[in-house]
PDB file of N, CA and C in Angstrom:
ATOM      1  N   GLU A   1     105.550 135.420  87.132  1.00  0.00           N
ATOM      2  CA  GLU A   1     104.959 134.153  87.543  1.00  0.00           C
ATOM      3  C   GLU A   1     105.521 133.753  88.902  1.00  0.00           C
ATOM      4  N   TRP A   2     104.644 133.286  89.775  1.00  0.00           N
ATOM      5  CA  TRP A   2     105.046 132.877  91.110  1.00  0.00           C
ATOM      6  C   TRP A   2     105.423 131.408  91.091  1.00  0.00           C
ATOM      7  N   ASN A   3     106.663 131.109  91.445  1.00  0.00           N
ATOM      8  CA  ASN A   3     107.166 129.738  91.446  1.00  0.00           C
ATOM      9  C   ASN A   3     107.557 129.371  92.882  1.00  0.00           C
ATOM     10  N   PRO A   4     106.792 128.494  93.548  1.00  0.00           N
ATOM     11  CA  PRO A   4     107.053 128.165  94.951  1.00  0.00           C
ATOM     12  C   PRO A   4     108.447 127.579  95.190  1.00  0.00           C
ATOM     13  N   LYS A   5     108.917 126.718  94.303  1.00  0.00           N
ATOM     14  CA  LYS A   5     110.246 126.117  94.500  1.00  0.00           C
ATOM     15  C   LYS A   5     111.339 127.178  94.420  1.00  0.00           C
ATOM     16  N   LYS A   6     111.206 128.084  93.461  1.00  0.00           N
ATOM     17  CA  LYS A   6     112.188 129.157  93.312  1.00  0.00           C
ATOM     18  C   LYS A   6     112.160 130.067  94.535  1.00  0.00           C
ATOM     19  N   ARG A   7     110.969 130.398  94.992  1.00  0.00           N
ATOM     20  CA  ARG A   7     110.828 131.267  96.170  1.00  0.00           C
ATOM     21  C   ARG A   7     111.425 130.600  97.405  1.00  0.00           C
ATOM     22  N   ALA A   8     111.184 129.292  97.581  1.00  0.00           N
ATOM     23  CA  ALA A   8     111.747 128.568  98.726  1.00  0.00           C
ATOM     24  C   ALA A   8     113.271 128.592  98.688  1.00  0.00           C
ATOM     25  N   LYS A   9     113.851 128.394  97.512  1.00  0.00           N
ATOM     26  CA  LYS A   9     115.310 128.439  97.376  1.00  0.00           C
ATOM     27  C   LYS A   9     115.850 129.822  97.721  1.00  0.00           C
ATOM     28  N   GLU A  10     115.136 130.860  97.308  1.00  0.00           N
ATOM     29  CA  GLU A  10     115.552 132.232  97.620  1.00  0.00           C
ATOM     30  C   GLU A  10     115.523 132.482  99.127  1.00  0.00           C
ATOM     31  N   ILE A  11     114.482 132.001  99.779  1.00  0.00           N
ATOM     32  CA  ILE A  11     114.360 132.189 101.228  1.00  0.00           C
ATOM     33  C   ILE A  11     115.465 131.436 101.954  1.00  0.00           C
ATOM     34  N   ILE A  12     115.707 130.189 101.570  1.00  0.00           N
ATOM     35  CA  ILE A  12     116.762 129.397 102.205  1.00  0.00           C
ATOM     36  C   ILE A  12     118.114 130.068 102.007  1.00  0.00           C
ATOM     37  N   ALA A  13     118.375 130.548 100.801  1.00  0.00           N
ATOM     38  CA  ALA A  13     119.647 131.227 100.531  1.00  0.00           C
ATOM     39  C   ALA A  13     119.799 132.462 101.417  1.00  0.00           C
ATOM     40  N   LYS A  14     118.720 133.172 101.640  1.00  0.00           N
ATOM     41  CA  LYS A  14     118.767 134.383 102.465  1.00  0.00           C
ATOM     42  C   LYS A  14     119.013 134.049 103.935  1.00  0.00           C
ATOM     43  N   LEU A  15     118.399 132.973 104.423  1.00  0.00           N
ATOM     44  CA  LEU A  15     118.497 132.622 105.837  1.00  0.00           C
ATOM     45  C   LEU A  15     119.720 131.774 106.161  1.00  0.00           C
ATOM     46  N   ASP A  16     120.298 131.116 105.167  1.00  0.00           N
ATOM     47  CA  ASP A  16     121.417 130.183 105.358  1.00  0.00           C
ATOM     48  C   ASP A  16     122.725 130.946 105.568  1.00  0.00           C
ATOM     49  N   ILE A  17     122.978 131.314 106.806  1.00  0.00           N
ATOM     50  CA  ILE A  17     124.165 132.105 107.141  1.00  0.00           C
ATOM     51  C   ILE A  17     125.446 131.295 106.932  1.00  0.00           C
ATOM     52  N   SER A  18     125.422 130.002 107.224  1.00  0.00           N
ATOM     53  CA  SER A  18     126.631 129.172 107.117  1.00  0.00           C
ATOM     54  C   SER A  18     126.994 128.853 105.672  1.00  0.00           C
ATOM     55  N   GLY A  19     126.030 128.975 104.766  1.00  0.00           N
ATOM     56  CA  GLY A  19     126.304 128.722 103.355  1.00  0.00           C
ATOM     57  C   GLY A  19     126.338 127.258 102.966  1.00  0.00           C
ATOM     58  N   ASP A  20     125.806 126.377 103.821  1.00  0.00           N
ATOM     59  CA  ASP A  20     125.834 124.946 103.511  1.00  0.00           C
ATOM     60  C   ASP A  20     124.577 124.452 102.791  1.00  0.00           C
ATOM     61  N   LYS A  21     123.724 125.378 102.387  1.00  0.00           N
ATOM     62  CA  LYS A  21     122.473 125.083 101.678  1.00  0.00           C
ATOM     63  C   LYS A  21     121.493 124.272 102.522  1.00  0.00           C
ATOM     64  N   LYS A  22     121.661 124.365 103.840  1.00  0.00           N
ATOM     65  CA  LYS A  22     120.744 123.739 104.790  1.00  0.00           C
ATOM     66  C   LYS A  22     120.440 124.779 105.862  1.00  0.00           C
ATOM     67  N   LEU A  23     119.247 124.706 106.408  1.00  0.00           N
ATOM     68  CA  LEU A  23     118.889 125.627 107.481  1.00  0.00           C
ATOM     69  C   LEU A  23     118.928 124.902 108.815  1.00  0.00           C
ATOM     70  N   SER A  24     119.752 125.402 109.707  1.00  0.00           N
ATOM     71  CA  SER A  24     119.709 124.890 111.072  1.00  0.00           C
ATOM     72  C   SER A  24     118.497 125.532 111.755  1.00  0.00           C
ATOM     73  N   LYS A  25     118.130 124.980 112.874  1.00  0.00           N
ATOM     74  CA  LYS A  25     117.010 125.557 113.620  1.00  0.00           C
ATOM     75  C   LYS A  25     117.324 127.006 113.996  1.00  0.00           C
ATOM     76  N   GLN A  26     118.563 127.250 114.416  1.00  0.00           N
ATOM     77  CA  GLN A  26     118.943 128.603 114.828  1.00  0.00           C
ATOM     78  C   GLN A  26     118.919 129.579 113.653  1.00  0.00           C
ATOM     79  N   GLU A  27     119.382 129.155 112.484  1.00  0.00           N
ATOM     80  CA  GLU A  27     119.332 130.013 111.300  1.00  0.00           C
ATOM     81  C   GLU A  27     117.885 130.343 110.942  1.00  0.00           C
ATOM     82  N   PHE A  28     117.016 129.344 111.030  1.00  0.00           N
ATOM     83  CA  PHE A  28     115.607 129.555 110.721  1.00  0.00           C
ATOM     84  C   PHE A  28     114.979 130.559 111.685  1.00  0.00           C
ATOM     85  N   VAL A  29     115.204 130.342 112.972  1.00  0.00           N
ATOM     86  CA  VAL A  29     114.618 131.222 113.989  1.00  0.00           C
ATOM     87  C   VAL A  29     115.137 132.647 113.821  1.00  0.00           C
ATOM     88  N   ASN A  30     116.449 132.801 113.688  1.00  0.00           N
ATOM     89  CA  ASN A  30     117.025 134.139 113.522  1.00  0.00           C
ATOM     90  C   ASN A  30     116.514 134.804 112.250  1.00  0.00           C
ATOM     91  N   GLY A  31     116.457 134.048 111.178  1.00  0.00           N
ATOM     92  CA  GLY A  31     115.982 134.602 109.918  1.00  0.00           C
ATOM     93  C   GLY A  31     114.542 135.061 109.996  1.00  0.00           C
ATOM     94  N   CYS A  32     113.707 134.267 110.645  1.00  0.00           N
ATOM     95  CA  CYS A  32     112.296 134.632 110.782  1.00  0.00           C
ATOM     96  C   CYS A  32     112.121 135.870 111.651  1.00  0.00           C
ATOM     97  N   ARG A  33     112.918 135.971 112.686  1.00  0.00           N
ATOM     98  CA  ARG A  33     112.831 137.141 113.570  1.00  0.00           C
ATOM     99  C   ARG A  33     113.291 138.411 112.868  1.00  0.00           C
ATOM    100  N   ASN A  34     114.248 138.282 111.962  1.00  0.00           N
ATOM    101  CA  ASN A  34     114.849 139.456 111.330  1.00  0.00           C
ATOM    102  C   ASN A  34     114.228 139.838 109.995  1.00  0.00           C
ATOM    103  N   ASP A  35     113.326 139.028 109.482  1.00  0.00           N
ATOM    104  CA  ASP A  35     112.680 139.339 108.202  1.00  0.00           C
ATOM    105  C   ASP A  35     111.223 139.697 108.472  1.00  0.00           C
ATOM    106  N   PRO A  36     110.844 140.955 108.288  1.00  0.00           N
ATOM    107  CA  PRO A  36     109.482 141.377 108.627  1.00  0.00           C
ATOM    108  C   PRO A  36     108.389 140.646 107.848  1.00  0.00           C
ATOM    109  N   VAL A  37     108.657 140.265 106.615  1.00  0.00           N
ATOM    110  CA  VAL A  37     107.642 139.567 105.814  1.00  0.00           C
ATOM    111  C   VAL A  37     107.418 138.163 106.362  1.00  0.00           C
ATOM    112  N   ILE A  38     108.501 137.425 106.576  1.00  0.00           N
ATOM    113  CA  ILE A  38     108.378 136.064 107.109  1.00  0.00           C
ATOM    114  C   ILE A  38     107.790 136.114 108.514  1.00  0.00           C
ATOM    115  N   TYR A  39     108.264 137.037 109.325  1.00  0.00           N
ATOM    116  CA  TYR A  39     107.758 137.181 110.684  1.00  0.00           C
ATOM    117  C   TYR A  39     106.251 137.432 110.674  1.00  0.00           C
ATOM    118  N   GLY A  40     105.819 138.301 109.792  1.00  0.00           N
ATOM    119  CA  GLY A  40     104.395 138.614 109.686  1.00  0.00           C
ATOM    120  C   GLY A  40     103.551 137.424 109.269  1.00  0.00           C
ATOM    121  N   LEU A  41     104.129 136.552 108.456  1.00  0.00           N
ATOM    122  CA  LEU A  41     103.402 135.361 108.031  1.00  0.00           C
ATOM    123  C   LEU A  41     103.258 134.342 109.161  1.00  0.00           C
ATOM    124  N   LEU A  42     104.226 134.317 110.061  1.00  0.00           N
ATOM    125  CA  LEU A  42     104.242 133.302 111.112  1.00  0.00           C
ATOM    126  C   LEU A  42     103.546 133.727 112.401  1.00  0.00           C
ATOM    127  N   VAL A  43     103.431 135.019 112.619  1.00  0.00           N
ATOM    128  CA  VAL A  43     102.852 135.519 113.864  1.00  0.00           C
ATOM    129  C   VAL A  43     101.398 135.902 113.618  1.00  0.00           C
ATOM    130  N   SER A  44     100.515 135.321 114.421  1.00  0.00           N
ATOM    131  CA  SER A  44      99.099 135.673 114.268  1.00  0.00           C
ATOM    132  C   SER A  44      98.853 137.040 114.892  1.00  0.00           C
ATOM    133  N   ARG A  45      97.956 137.750 114.288  1.00  0.00           N
ATOM    134  CA  ARG A  45      97.667 139.106 114.781  1.00  0.00           C
ATOM    135  C   ARG A  45      96.293 139.179 115.352  1.00  0.00           C
TER     136      ARG A  45
END
C-alpha cells in the first residue's frame, strides 16, 4: 500500500544530512541532485 505520509518521512530522512528532522534548502537541493528518482520527477524532459 502506498502511504504518502510514510513516503514523505522516508524522503526527508534520506535527505536530512544534519539529522535534525528538518530539511534546509541546501539539503533539499543536494538531495534532489543526487537522487535520480527525485531528480527525474522535478526536471521536465
